[in-house]
N, C-alpha and C. Protein backbone atom coordinates (compact mmCIF):
# COMPACT_ATOMS: atom_id res chain seq x y z
N MET A 1 0.85 -1.17 0.00
CA MET A 1 0.00 0.00 0.00
C MET A 1 0.89 1.23 0.00
N HIS A 2 0.55 2.17 -0.83
CA HIS A 2 1.36 3.38 -0.93
C HIS A 2 1.28 4.24 0.33
N HIS A 3 0.08 4.50 0.81
CA HIS A 3 -0.10 5.34 2.00
C HIS A 3 -0.63 4.58 3.20
N GLY A 4 -1.22 3.45 2.99
CA GLY A 4 -1.80 2.69 4.10
C GLY A 4 -3.15 3.22 4.52
N HIS A 5 -3.71 2.58 5.50
CA HIS A 5 -4.98 3.00 6.09
C HIS A 5 -4.68 3.47 7.50
N ARG A 6 -4.86 4.74 7.73
CA ARG A 6 -4.53 5.30 9.04
C ARG A 6 -5.66 6.23 9.48
N GLY A 7 -6.07 6.07 10.73
CA GLY A 7 -7.05 6.97 11.31
C GLY A 7 -8.43 6.37 11.41
N ILE A 8 -9.39 7.26 11.65
CA ILE A 8 -10.77 6.82 11.86
C ILE A 8 -11.59 7.06 10.59
N ASN A 9 -12.81 6.55 10.62
CA ASN A 9 -13.80 6.77 9.57
C ASN A 9 -13.44 6.14 8.22
N HIS A 10 -12.85 4.95 8.27
CA HIS A 10 -12.61 4.19 7.04
C HIS A 10 -13.82 3.30 6.79
N PRO A 11 -14.51 3.47 5.65
CA PRO A 11 -15.68 2.65 5.38
C PRO A 11 -15.30 1.25 4.90
N VAL A 12 -15.96 0.25 5.48
CA VAL A 12 -15.75 -1.16 5.13
C VAL A 12 -17.11 -1.78 4.85
N LEU A 13 -17.20 -2.58 3.79
CA LEU A 13 -18.44 -3.27 3.47
C LEU A 13 -18.39 -4.69 4.01
N ASN A 14 -19.37 -5.04 4.84
CA ASN A 14 -19.51 -6.39 5.37
C ASN A 14 -20.25 -7.18 4.29
N LEU A 15 -19.56 -8.12 3.64
CA LEU A 15 -20.17 -8.88 2.54
C LEU A 15 -21.21 -9.88 3.02
N LYS A 16 -21.17 -10.26 4.29
CA LYS A 16 -22.17 -11.18 4.84
C LYS A 16 -23.52 -10.50 5.01
N THR A 17 -23.50 -9.25 5.47
CA THR A 17 -24.74 -8.54 5.77
C THR A 17 -25.11 -7.50 4.71
N GLY A 18 -24.13 -7.08 3.91
CA GLY A 18 -24.36 -6.02 2.93
C GLY A 18 -24.33 -4.63 3.54
N LYS A 19 -24.01 -4.55 4.82
CA LYS A 19 -23.99 -3.26 5.52
C LYS A 19 -22.60 -2.64 5.50
N GLY A 20 -22.57 -1.33 5.46
CA GLY A 20 -21.33 -0.59 5.60
C GLY A 20 -21.00 -0.39 7.06
N GLU A 21 -19.71 -0.41 7.38
CA GLU A 21 -19.25 -0.19 8.75
C GLU A 21 -18.19 0.89 8.73
N ILE A 22 -18.19 1.73 9.73
CA ILE A 22 -17.16 2.75 9.87
C ILE A 22 -16.12 2.21 10.83
N THR A 23 -14.85 2.22 10.41
CA THR A 23 -13.79 1.57 11.19
C THR A 23 -12.64 2.51 11.48
N SER A 24 -11.84 2.11 12.44
CA SER A 24 -10.58 2.76 12.78
C SER A 24 -9.47 1.83 12.30
N GLN A 25 -8.47 2.38 11.61
CA GLN A 25 -7.42 1.53 11.03
C GLN A 25 -6.05 2.16 11.23
N ASN A 26 -5.02 1.30 11.23
CA ASN A 26 -3.65 1.78 11.32
C ASN A 26 -2.70 0.71 10.80
N HIS A 27 -2.60 0.60 9.49
CA HIS A 27 -1.70 -0.37 8.89
C HIS A 27 -1.23 0.13 7.52
N GLY A 28 -0.12 -0.39 7.08
CA GLY A 28 0.44 0.00 5.79
C GLY A 28 0.60 -1.18 4.85
N PHE A 29 -0.23 -2.20 5.02
CA PHE A 29 -0.15 -3.39 4.17
C PHE A 29 -1.56 -3.93 3.94
N SER A 30 -1.67 -4.79 2.95
CA SER A 30 -2.95 -5.44 2.71
C SER A 30 -2.71 -6.89 2.32
N VAL A 31 -3.74 -7.69 2.47
CA VAL A 31 -3.68 -9.10 2.10
C VAL A 31 -3.82 -9.20 0.58
N ASP A 32 -3.03 -10.08 -0.02
CA ASP A 32 -3.05 -10.24 -1.47
C ASP A 32 -4.39 -10.84 -1.92
N ARG A 33 -5.13 -10.09 -2.70
CA ARG A 33 -6.47 -10.51 -3.13
C ARG A 33 -6.41 -11.75 -4.03
N GLU A 34 -5.49 -11.78 -4.98
CA GLU A 34 -5.38 -12.93 -5.89
C GLU A 34 -5.11 -14.22 -5.13
N GLU A 35 -4.18 -14.17 -4.20
CA GLU A 35 -3.86 -15.35 -3.40
C GLU A 35 -5.07 -15.79 -2.57
N THR A 36 -5.75 -14.82 -2.00
CA THR A 36 -6.90 -15.12 -1.15
C THR A 36 -8.04 -15.73 -1.96
N GLU A 37 -8.35 -15.13 -3.09
CA GLU A 37 -9.44 -15.64 -3.93
C GLU A 37 -9.12 -17.01 -4.51
N ALA A 38 -7.84 -17.31 -4.69
CA ALA A 38 -7.44 -18.60 -5.26
C ALA A 38 -7.49 -19.73 -4.24
N HIS A 39 -7.51 -19.39 -2.95
CA HIS A 39 -7.49 -20.42 -1.92
C HIS A 39 -8.91 -20.94 -1.68
N PRO A 40 -9.13 -22.25 -1.78
CA PRO A 40 -10.49 -22.79 -1.65
C PRO A 40 -11.10 -22.69 -0.26
N ASN A 41 -10.28 -22.51 0.77
CA ASN A 41 -10.80 -22.48 2.14
C ASN A 41 -10.80 -21.09 2.77
N VAL A 42 -10.58 -20.06 1.95
CA VAL A 42 -10.59 -18.70 2.47
C VAL A 42 -11.73 -17.93 1.81
N LYS A 43 -12.53 -17.29 2.65
CA LYS A 43 -13.67 -16.50 2.18
C LYS A 43 -13.47 -15.05 2.60
N ILE A 44 -13.55 -14.14 1.66
CA ILE A 44 -13.46 -12.71 1.98
C ILE A 44 -14.79 -12.28 2.57
N THR A 45 -14.75 -11.65 3.74
CA THR A 45 -15.98 -11.25 4.44
C THR A 45 -16.18 -9.74 4.49
N HIS A 46 -15.09 -8.98 4.35
CA HIS A 46 -15.16 -7.53 4.41
C HIS A 46 -14.24 -6.94 3.34
N VAL A 47 -14.66 -5.82 2.76
CA VAL A 47 -13.88 -5.13 1.74
C VAL A 47 -13.82 -3.65 2.11
N CYS A 48 -12.64 -3.06 2.02
CA CYS A 48 -12.48 -1.63 2.26
C CYS A 48 -13.05 -0.88 1.06
N ILE A 49 -14.02 -0.03 1.30
CA ILE A 49 -14.76 0.62 0.22
C ILE A 49 -13.88 1.61 -0.55
N ASN A 50 -12.96 2.30 0.11
CA ASN A 50 -12.15 3.32 -0.57
C ASN A 50 -11.23 2.75 -1.64
N ASP A 51 -10.66 1.56 -1.42
CA ASP A 51 -9.68 1.04 -2.37
C ASP A 51 -9.87 -0.43 -2.73
N ASN A 52 -10.97 -1.03 -2.28
CA ASN A 52 -11.32 -2.42 -2.61
C ASN A 52 -10.31 -3.44 -2.08
N THR A 53 -9.54 -3.09 -1.05
CA THR A 53 -8.65 -4.07 -0.44
C THR A 53 -9.45 -4.95 0.52
N ILE A 54 -8.87 -6.08 0.88
CA ILE A 54 -9.54 -7.01 1.78
C ILE A 54 -9.57 -6.42 3.19
N GLY A 55 -10.75 -6.39 3.79
CA GLY A 55 -10.90 -5.88 5.13
C GLY A 55 -11.19 -6.96 6.16
N GLY A 56 -11.49 -8.17 5.69
CA GLY A 56 -11.75 -9.27 6.60
C GLY A 56 -11.89 -10.57 5.83
N MET A 57 -11.64 -11.68 6.55
CA MET A 57 -11.76 -12.99 5.92
C MET A 57 -12.02 -14.04 6.98
N GLU A 58 -12.44 -15.20 6.52
CA GLU A 58 -12.57 -16.34 7.41
C GLU A 58 -12.03 -17.57 6.71
N ILE A 59 -11.57 -18.52 7.51
CA ILE A 59 -11.12 -19.79 6.99
C ILE A 59 -12.31 -20.74 7.12
N THR A 60 -12.81 -21.23 6.00
CA THR A 60 -14.06 -21.98 6.00
C THR A 60 -13.96 -23.37 6.62
N ASN A 61 -12.77 -23.94 6.62
CA ASN A 61 -12.63 -25.28 7.21
C ASN A 61 -12.01 -25.23 8.61
N LYS A 62 -11.92 -24.04 9.19
CA LYS A 62 -11.42 -23.85 10.55
C LYS A 62 -12.36 -22.89 11.27
N ASN A 63 -12.24 -22.83 12.56
CA ASN A 63 -13.08 -21.93 13.36
C ASN A 63 -12.33 -20.62 13.60
N CYS A 64 -12.08 -19.87 12.52
CA CYS A 64 -11.35 -18.62 12.70
C CYS A 64 -11.77 -17.59 11.66
N PHE A 65 -11.61 -16.33 12.06
CA PHE A 65 -11.86 -15.20 11.17
C PHE A 65 -10.97 -14.05 11.59
N SER A 66 -10.83 -13.06 10.73
CA SER A 66 -10.01 -11.90 11.07
C SER A 66 -10.53 -10.68 10.32
N VAL A 67 -10.17 -9.52 10.83
CA VAL A 67 -10.44 -8.26 10.15
C VAL A 67 -9.17 -7.44 10.13
N GLN A 68 -9.09 -6.55 9.18
CA GLN A 68 -7.90 -5.72 8.97
C GLN A 68 -8.17 -4.31 9.50
N TYR A 69 -8.75 -4.22 10.65
CA TYR A 69 -9.01 -2.92 11.28
C TYR A 69 -9.18 -3.14 12.77
N HIS A 70 -9.47 -2.08 13.50
CA HIS A 70 -9.55 -2.15 14.95
C HIS A 70 -11.01 -2.17 15.41
N PRO A 71 -11.59 -3.36 15.62
CA PRO A 71 -12.98 -3.39 16.07
C PRO A 71 -13.17 -2.88 17.49
N GLU A 72 -12.09 -2.78 18.26
CA GLU A 72 -12.19 -2.34 19.65
C GLU A 72 -12.08 -0.84 19.80
N ALA A 73 -12.03 -0.10 18.70
CA ALA A 73 -11.80 1.35 18.74
C ALA A 73 -12.78 2.04 19.69
N SER A 74 -12.23 2.77 20.62
CA SER A 74 -13.07 3.49 21.56
C SER A 74 -12.26 4.59 22.21
N PRO A 75 -12.65 5.83 22.29
CA PRO A 75 -13.88 6.28 21.67
C PRO A 75 -13.74 6.27 20.15
N GLY A 76 -14.82 6.16 19.50
CA GLY A 76 -14.79 6.10 18.04
C GLY A 76 -15.87 5.19 17.51
N PRO A 77 -15.68 4.69 16.31
CA PRO A 77 -16.72 3.85 15.71
C PRO A 77 -16.94 2.57 16.51
N HIS A 78 -18.18 2.17 16.64
CA HIS A 78 -18.52 0.93 17.34
C HIS A 78 -19.23 -0.05 16.40
N ASP A 79 -19.16 0.21 15.10
CA ASP A 79 -19.87 -0.60 14.12
C ASP A 79 -19.43 -2.06 14.13
N ALA A 80 -18.21 -2.33 14.55
CA ALA A 80 -17.67 -3.69 14.49
C ALA A 80 -17.71 -4.42 15.83
N SER A 81 -18.40 -3.89 16.81
CA SER A 81 -18.42 -4.54 18.13
C SER A 81 -19.05 -5.93 18.08
N TYR A 82 -19.89 -6.20 17.09
CA TYR A 82 -20.50 -7.52 16.94
C TYR A 82 -19.46 -8.61 16.75
N LEU A 83 -18.26 -8.27 16.28
CA LEU A 83 -17.21 -9.26 16.06
C LEU A 83 -16.82 -9.94 17.37
N PHE A 84 -16.88 -9.22 18.47
CA PHE A 84 -16.54 -9.82 19.76
C PHE A 84 -17.61 -10.84 20.17
N ASP A 85 -18.87 -10.53 19.86
CA ASP A 85 -19.95 -11.48 20.12
C ASP A 85 -19.76 -12.75 19.29
N GLU A 86 -19.40 -12.57 18.02
CA GLU A 86 -19.17 -13.74 17.15
C GLU A 86 -18.00 -14.57 17.67
N PHE A 87 -16.95 -13.91 18.12
CA PHE A 87 -15.79 -14.61 18.65
C PHE A 87 -16.17 -15.47 19.86
N ILE A 88 -16.89 -14.87 20.80
CA ILE A 88 -17.33 -15.59 22.01
C ILE A 88 -18.24 -16.75 21.64
N GLU A 89 -19.16 -16.53 20.70
CA GLU A 89 -20.07 -17.60 20.28
C GLU A 89 -19.30 -18.76 19.65
N ARG A 90 -18.29 -18.46 18.86
CA ARG A 90 -17.48 -19.53 18.26
C ARG A 90 -16.75 -20.34 19.33
N ILE A 91 -16.30 -19.66 20.37
CA ILE A 91 -15.64 -20.37 21.47
C ILE A 91 -16.64 -21.30 22.15
N LYS A 92 -17.82 -20.80 22.43
CA LYS A 92 -18.85 -21.62 23.09
C LYS A 92 -19.21 -22.85 22.25
N VAL A 93 -19.40 -22.66 20.96
CA VAL A 93 -19.77 -23.76 20.08
C VAL A 93 -18.67 -24.79 19.99
N SER A 94 -17.43 -24.34 19.94
CA SER A 94 -16.31 -25.27 19.79
C SER A 94 -16.08 -26.08 21.07
N LYS A 95 -16.53 -25.59 22.22
CA LYS A 95 -16.37 -26.32 23.48
C LYS A 95 -17.38 -27.46 23.60
N ASN A 96 -18.49 -27.38 22.86
CA ASN A 96 -19.53 -28.40 22.94
C ASN A 96 -19.21 -29.61 22.08
């Protein structure tokens, strides 16, 4: 990435819900889209609206997911707080 994603108010599209989320970010790299799309067990879940870079993914044959921003941002955007609920739910399900 030439400039990276730094600061607040970066729009991200959640591909699962179709909703836009406002995020806080601080990184100067991105995940390679070609490599990700070519992998059969990786699903892109979020896309950065400003530059179409990958904003989140999950491994379909494992119990894991990730995002390329700060869902814990506070004070600031709280659009991604649901990710913590999903994380806890995955832990509960995997224990059963």
